[in-house]
Amino acid sequence: MAICPKNKSSKGRRDKRRANWKMRVPNLVKCSKCSELMMPHRVCKACGSYNKKEIIPVD
């Protein structure tokens, strides 16, 4: 047997449940070494540094 709801869900209740599926803009911060925008707590893609230390050598 298929799943069948016992009572009808109102549009407001349905929409409240779906309200958490929105996309968010990623939080960006400036790199402390090169001032490029990057995601926090990650290695900078532009200069390869994290916390003012070079982690990945970038050409």
PDB file of N, CA and C in Angstrom:
ATOM      1  N   MET A   1       0.829  -1.182   0.000  1.00  0.00           N
ATOM      2  CA  MET A   1       0.000   0.000   0.000  1.00  0.00           C
ATOM      3  C   MET A   1       0.877   1.251   0.000  1.00  0.00           C
ATOM      4  N   ALA A   2       0.376   2.262  -0.627  1.00  0.00           N
ATOM      5  CA  ALA A   2       1.110   3.523  -0.694  1.00  0.00           C
ATOM      6  C   ALA A   2       0.888   4.330   0.584  1.00  0.00           C
ATOM      7  N   ILE A   3       1.800   5.237   0.843  1.00  0.00           N
ATOM      8  CA  ILE A   3       1.662   6.107   2.003  1.00  0.00           C
ATOM      9  C   ILE A   3       0.588   7.138   1.691  1.00  0.00           C
ATOM     10  N   CYS A   4      -0.369   7.269   2.598  1.00  0.00           N
ATOM     11  CA  CYS A   4      -1.483   8.179   2.373  1.00  0.00           C
ATOM     12  C   CYS A   4      -1.681   9.029   3.626  1.00  0.00           C
ATOM     13  N   PRO A   5      -1.677  10.360   3.486  1.00  0.00           N
ATOM     14  CA  PRO A   5      -1.847  11.195   4.681  1.00  0.00           C
ATOM     15  C   PRO A   5      -3.244  11.044   5.281  1.00  0.00           C
ATOM     16  N   LYS A   6      -3.301  11.074   6.625  1.00  0.00           N
ATOM     17  CA  LYS A   6      -4.576  10.911   7.314  1.00  0.00           C
ATOM     18  C   LYS A   6      -5.450  12.160   7.148  1.00  0.00           C
ATOM     19  N   ASN A   7      -4.814  13.349   7.275  1.00  0.00           N
ATOM     20  CA  ASN A   7      -5.546  14.608   7.139  1.00  0.00           C
ATOM     21  C   ASN A   7      -4.817  15.500   6.141  1.00  0.00           C
ATOM     22  N   LYS A   8      -5.557  16.477   5.587  1.00  0.00           N
ATOM     23  CA  LYS A   8      -4.961  17.409   4.636  1.00  0.00           C
ATOM     24  C   LYS A   8      -4.055  18.395   5.365  1.00  0.00           C
ATOM     25  N   SER A   9      -2.884  18.615   4.806  1.00  0.00           N
ATOM     26  CA  SER A   9      -1.990  19.645   5.341  1.00  0.00           C
ATOM     27  C   SER A   9      -2.326  20.968   4.671  1.00  0.00           C
ATOM     28  N   SER A  10      -2.409  22.017   5.483  1.00  0.00           N
ATOM     29  CA  SER A  10      -2.738  23.330   4.928  1.00  0.00           C
ATOM     30  C   SER A  10      -1.554  23.875   4.137  1.00  0.00           C
ATOM     31  N   LYS A  11      -1.834  24.890   3.314  1.00  0.00           N
ATOM     32  CA  LYS A  11      -0.766  25.493   2.508  1.00  0.00           C
ATOM     33  C   LYS A  11       0.288  26.151   3.386  1.00  0.00           C
ATOM     34  N   GLY A  12      -0.153  26.747   4.500  1.00  0.00           N
ATOM     35  CA  GLY A  12       0.791  27.387   5.412  1.00  0.00           C
ATOM     36  C   GLY A  12       1.729  26.379   6.058  1.00  0.00           C
ATOM     37  N   ARG A  13       1.199  25.245   6.496  1.00  0.00           N
ATOM     38  CA  ARG A  13       2.022  24.210   7.118  1.00  0.00           C
ATOM     39  C   ARG A  13       2.984  23.610   6.102  1.00  0.00           C
ATOM     40  N   ARG A  14       2.489  23.390   4.876  1.00  0.00           N
ATOM     41  CA  ARG A  14       3.327  22.862   3.798  1.00  0.00           C
ATOM     42  C   ARG A  14       4.470  23.824   3.483  1.00  0.00           C
ATOM     43  N   ASP A  15       4.141  25.115   3.380  1.00  0.00           N
ATOM     44  CA  ASP A  15       5.151  26.105   3.021  1.00  0.00           C
ATOM     45  C   ASP A  15       6.159  26.332   4.136  1.00  0.00           C
ATOM     46  N   LYS A  16       5.747  26.197   5.392  1.00  0.00           N
ATOM     47  CA  LYS A  16       6.692  26.301   6.507  1.00  0.00           C
ATOM     48  C   LYS A  16       7.724  25.186   6.439  1.00  0.00           C
ATOM     49  N   ARG A  17       7.273  24.007   6.056  1.00  0.00           N
ATOM     50  CA  ARG A  17       8.178  22.863   5.948  1.00  0.00           C
ATOM     51  C   ARG A  17       9.179  23.065   4.822  1.00  0.00           C
ATOM     52  N   ARG A  18       8.742  23.685   3.734  1.00  0.00           N
ATOM     53  CA  ARG A  18       9.611  23.895   2.572  1.00  0.00           C
ATOM     54  C   ARG A  18      10.469  25.150   2.676  1.00  0.00           C
ATOM     55  N   ALA A  19      10.269  25.959   3.712  1.00  0.00           N
ATOM     56  CA  ALA A  19      10.973  27.235   3.829  1.00  0.00           C
ATOM     57  C   ALA A  19      12.462  27.048   4.090  1.00  0.00           C
ATOM     58  N   ASN A  20      12.881  25.885   4.589  1.00  0.00           N
ATOM     59  CA  ASN A  20      14.282  25.660   4.938  1.00  0.00           C
ATOM     60  C   ASN A  20      15.114  25.170   3.768  1.00  0.00           C
ATOM     61  N   TRP A  21      14.551  25.077   2.570  1.00  0.00           N
ATOM     62  CA  TRP A  21      15.269  24.563   1.410  1.00  0.00           C
ATOM     63  C   TRP A  21      15.915  25.656   0.579  1.00  0.00           C
ATOM     64  N   LYS A  22      15.997  26.876   1.106  1.00  0.00           N
ATOM     65  CA  LYS A  22      16.532  27.984   0.322  1.00  0.00           C
ATOM     66  C   LYS A  22      18.064  27.903   0.225  1.00  0.00           C
ATOM     67  N   MET A  23      18.585  28.479  -0.828  1.00  0.00           N
ATOM     68  CA  MET A  23      20.029  28.543  -1.020  1.00  0.00           C
ATOM     69  C   MET A  23      20.563  29.750  -0.268  1.00  0.00           C
ATOM     70  N   ARG A  24      21.780  29.653   0.227  1.00  0.00           N
ATOM     71  CA  ARG A  24      22.412  30.763   0.927  1.00  0.00           C
ATOM     72  C   ARG A  24      23.603  31.265   0.139  1.00  0.00           C
ATOM     73  N   VAL A  25      23.858  32.548   0.258  1.00  0.00           N
ATOM     74  CA  VAL A  25      25.052  33.129  -0.335  1.00  0.00           C
ATOM     75  C   VAL A  25      26.235  32.705   0.529  1.00  0.00           C
ATOM     76  N   PRO A  26      27.326  32.202  -0.071  1.00  0.00           N
ATOM     77  CA  PRO A  26      28.451  31.774   0.763  1.00  0.00           C
ATOM     78  C   PRO A  26      29.082  32.956   1.496  1.00  0.00           C
ATOM     79  N   ASN A  27      29.466  32.716   2.739  1.00  0.00           N
ATOM     80  CA  ASN A  27      30.105  33.742   3.548  1.00  0.00           C
ATOM     81  C   ASN A  27      31.547  33.897   3.084  1.00  0.00           C
ATOM     82  N   LEU A  28      31.925  35.096   2.648  1.00  0.00           N
ATOM     83  CA  LEU A  28      33.266  35.338   2.141  1.00  0.00           C
ATOM     84  C   LEU A  28      33.976  36.352   3.020  1.00  0.00           C
ATOM     85  N   VAL A  29      35.284  36.130   3.227  1.00  0.00           N
ATOM     86  CA  VAL A  29      36.125  37.060   3.977  1.00  0.00           C
ATOM     87  C   VAL A  29      37.340  37.394   3.131  1.00  0.00           C
ATOM     88  N   LYS A  30      38.033  38.473   3.479  1.00  0.00           N
ATOM     89  CA  LYS A  30      39.239  38.845   2.746  1.00  0.00           C
ATOM     90  C   LYS A  30      40.418  38.052   3.256  1.00  0.00           C
ATOM     91  N   CYS A  31      41.270  37.619   2.344  1.00  0.00           N
ATOM     92  CA  CYS A  31      42.507  36.919   2.702  1.00  0.00           C
ATOM     93  C   CYS A  31      43.423  37.915   3.408  1.00  0.00           C
ATOM     94  N   SER A  32      44.056  37.476   4.482  1.00  0.00           N
ATOM     95  CA  SER A  32      44.909  38.386   5.243  1.00  0.00           C
ATOM     96  C   SER A  32      46.222  38.678   4.533  1.00  0.00           C
ATOM     97  N   LYS A  33      46.571  37.856   3.532  1.00  0.00           N
ATOM     98  CA  LYS A  33      47.829  38.057   2.821  1.00  0.00           C
ATOM     99  C   LYS A  33      47.639  38.824   1.513  1.00  0.00           C
ATOM    100  N   CYS A  34      46.661  38.415   0.686  1.00  0.00           N
ATOM    101  CA  CYS A  34      46.506  39.031  -0.639  1.00  0.00           C
ATOM    102  C   CYS A  34      45.203  39.821  -0.788  1.00  0.00           C
ATOM    103  N   SER A  35      44.359  39.838   0.210  1.00  0.00           N
ATOM    104  CA  SER A  35      43.080  40.571   0.235  1.00  0.00           C
ATOM    105  C   SER A  35      42.074  40.092  -0.809  1.00  0.00           C
ATOM    106  N   GLU A  36      42.205  38.876  -1.315  1.00  0.00           N
ATOM    107  CA  GLU A  36      41.201  38.284  -2.206  1.00  0.00           C
ATOM    108  C   GLU A  36      40.070  37.728  -1.353  1.00  0.00           C
ATOM    109  N   LEU A  37      38.870  37.668  -1.926  1.00  0.00           N
ATOM    110  CA  LEU A  37      37.748  37.064  -1.221  1.00  0.00           C
ATOM    111  C   LEU A  37      37.901  35.549  -1.215  1.00  0.00           C
ATOM    112  N   MET A  38      37.680  34.948  -0.053  1.00  0.00           N
ATOM    113  CA  MET A  38      37.815  33.494   0.098  1.00  0.00           C
ATOM    114  C   MET A  38      36.838  33.022   1.166  1.00  0.00           C
ATOM    115  N   MET A  39      36.614  31.727   1.216  1.00  0.00           N
ATOM    116  CA  MET A  39      35.761  31.165   2.254  1.00  0.00           C
ATOM    117  C   MET A  39      36.572  31.066   3.540  1.00  0.00           C
ATOM    118  N   PRO A  40      35.955  31.344   4.700  1.00  0.00           N
ATOM    119  CA  PRO A  40      36.713  31.333   5.943  1.00  0.00           C
ATOM    120  C   PRO A  40      37.192  29.934   6.330  1.00  0.00           C
ATOM    121  N   HIS A  41      38.327  29.867   7.002  1.00  0.00           N
ATOM    122  CA  HIS A  41      38.932  28.635   7.509  1.00  0.00           C
ATOM    123  C   HIS A  41      39.327  27.676   6.390  1.00  0.00           C
ATOM    124  N   ARG A  42      39.719  28.232   5.242  1.00  0.00           N
ATOM    125  CA  ARG A  42      40.182  27.424   4.114  1.00  0.00           C
ATOM    126  C   ARG A  42      41.393  28.096   3.495  1.00  0.00           C
ATOM    127  N   VAL A  43      42.176  27.327   2.766  1.00  0.00           N
ATOM    128  CA  VAL A  43      43.348  27.869   2.080  1.00  0.00           C
ATOM    129  C   VAL A  43      42.878  28.781   0.953  1.00  0.00           C
ATOM    130  N   CYS A  44      43.536  29.925   0.814  1.00  0.00           N
ATOM    131  CA  CYS A  44      43.195  30.885  -0.234  1.00  0.00           C
ATOM    132  C   CYS A  44      43.587  30.301  -1.582  1.00  0.00           C
ATOM    133  N   LYS A  45      42.669  30.368  -2.554  1.00  0.00           N
ATOM    134  CA  LYS A  45      42.958  29.825  -3.882  1.00  0.00           C
ATOM    135  C   LYS A  45      43.877  30.729  -4.680  1.00  0.00           C
ATOM    136  N   ALA A  46      43.904  32.023  -4.344  1.00  0.00           N
ATOM    137  CA  ALA A  46      44.709  32.969  -5.108  1.00  0.00           C
ATOM    138  C   ALA A  46      46.191  32.885  -4.737  1.00  0.00           C
ATOM    139  N   CYS A  47      46.492  32.863  -3.428  1.00  0.00           N
ATOM    140  CA  CYS A  47      47.899  32.884  -3.017  1.00  0.00           C
ATOM    141  C   CYS A  47      48.352  31.603  -2.324  1.00  0.00           C
ATOM    142  N   GLY A  48      47.441  30.690  -1.994  1.00  0.00           N
ATOM    143  CA  GLY A  48      47.811  29.413  -1.388  1.00  0.00           C
ATOM    144  C   GLY A  48      48.212  29.519   0.070  1.00  0.00           C
ATOM    145  N   SER A  49      47.761  30.562   0.762  1.00  0.00           N
ATOM    146  CA  SER A  49      48.162  30.728   2.160  1.00  0.00           C
ATOM    147  C   SER A  49      46.961  30.530   3.078  1.00  0.00           C
ATOM    148  N   TYR A  50      47.286  30.182   4.325  1.00  0.00           N
ATOM    149  CA  TYR A  50      46.289  30.072   5.377  1.00  0.00           C
ATOM    150  C   TYR A  50      46.906  30.651   6.638  1.00  0.00           C
ATOM    151  N   ASN A  51      46.227  31.601   7.244  1.00  0.00           N
ATOM    152  CA  ASN A  51      46.695  32.257   8.458  1.00  0.00           C
ATOM    153  C   ASN A  51      48.081  32.879   8.249  1.00  0.00           C
ATOM    154  N   LYS A  52      48.258  33.563   7.111  1.00  0.00           N
ATOM    155  CA  LYS A  52      49.486  34.265   6.719  1.00  0.00           C
ATOM    156  C   LYS A  52      50.679  33.333   6.508  1.00  0.00           C
ATOM    157  N   LYS A  53      50.441  32.027   6.396  1.00  0.00           N
ATOM    158  CA  LYS A  53      51.511  31.062   6.122  1.00  0.00           C
ATOM    159  C   LYS A  53      51.233  30.405   4.781  1.00  0.00           C
ATOM    160  N   GLU A  54      52.261  30.240   3.964  1.00  0.00           N
ATOM    161  CA  GLU A  54      52.086  29.617   2.665  1.00  0.00           C
ATOM    162  C   GLU A  54      51.951  28.103   2.843  1.00  0.00           C
ATOM    163  N   ILE A  55      50.834  27.583   2.414  1.00  0.00           N
ATOM    164  CA  ILE A  55      50.547  26.152   2.548  1.00  0.00           C
ATOM    165  C   ILE A  55      50.782  25.454   1.218  1.00  0.00           C
ATOM    166  N   ILE A  56      50.257  26.035   0.140  1.00  0.00           N
ATOM    167  CA  ILE A  56      50.363  25.452  -1.194  1.00  0.00           C
ATOM    168  C   ILE A  56      51.156  26.414  -2.067  1.00  0.00           C
ATOM    169  N   PRO A  57      52.249  25.966  -2.668  1.00  0.00           N
ATOM    170  CA  PRO A  57      52.979  26.872  -3.573  1.00  0.00           C
ATOM    171  C   PRO A  57      52.169  27.146  -4.839  1.00  0.00           C
ATOM    172  N   VAL A  58      51.939  28.425  -5.133  1.00  0.00           N
ATOM    173  CA  VAL A  58      51.169  28.834  -6.293  1.00  0.00           C
ATOM    174  C   VAL A  58      52.108  29.518  -7.282  1.00  0.00           C
ATOM    175  N   ASP A  59      51.999  29.124  -8.557  1.00  0.00           N
ATOM    176  CA  ASP A  59      52.885  29.708  -9.575  1.00  0.00           C
ATOM    177  C   ASP A  59      52.491  31.111  -9.918  1.00  0.00           C
TER     178      ASP A  59
END
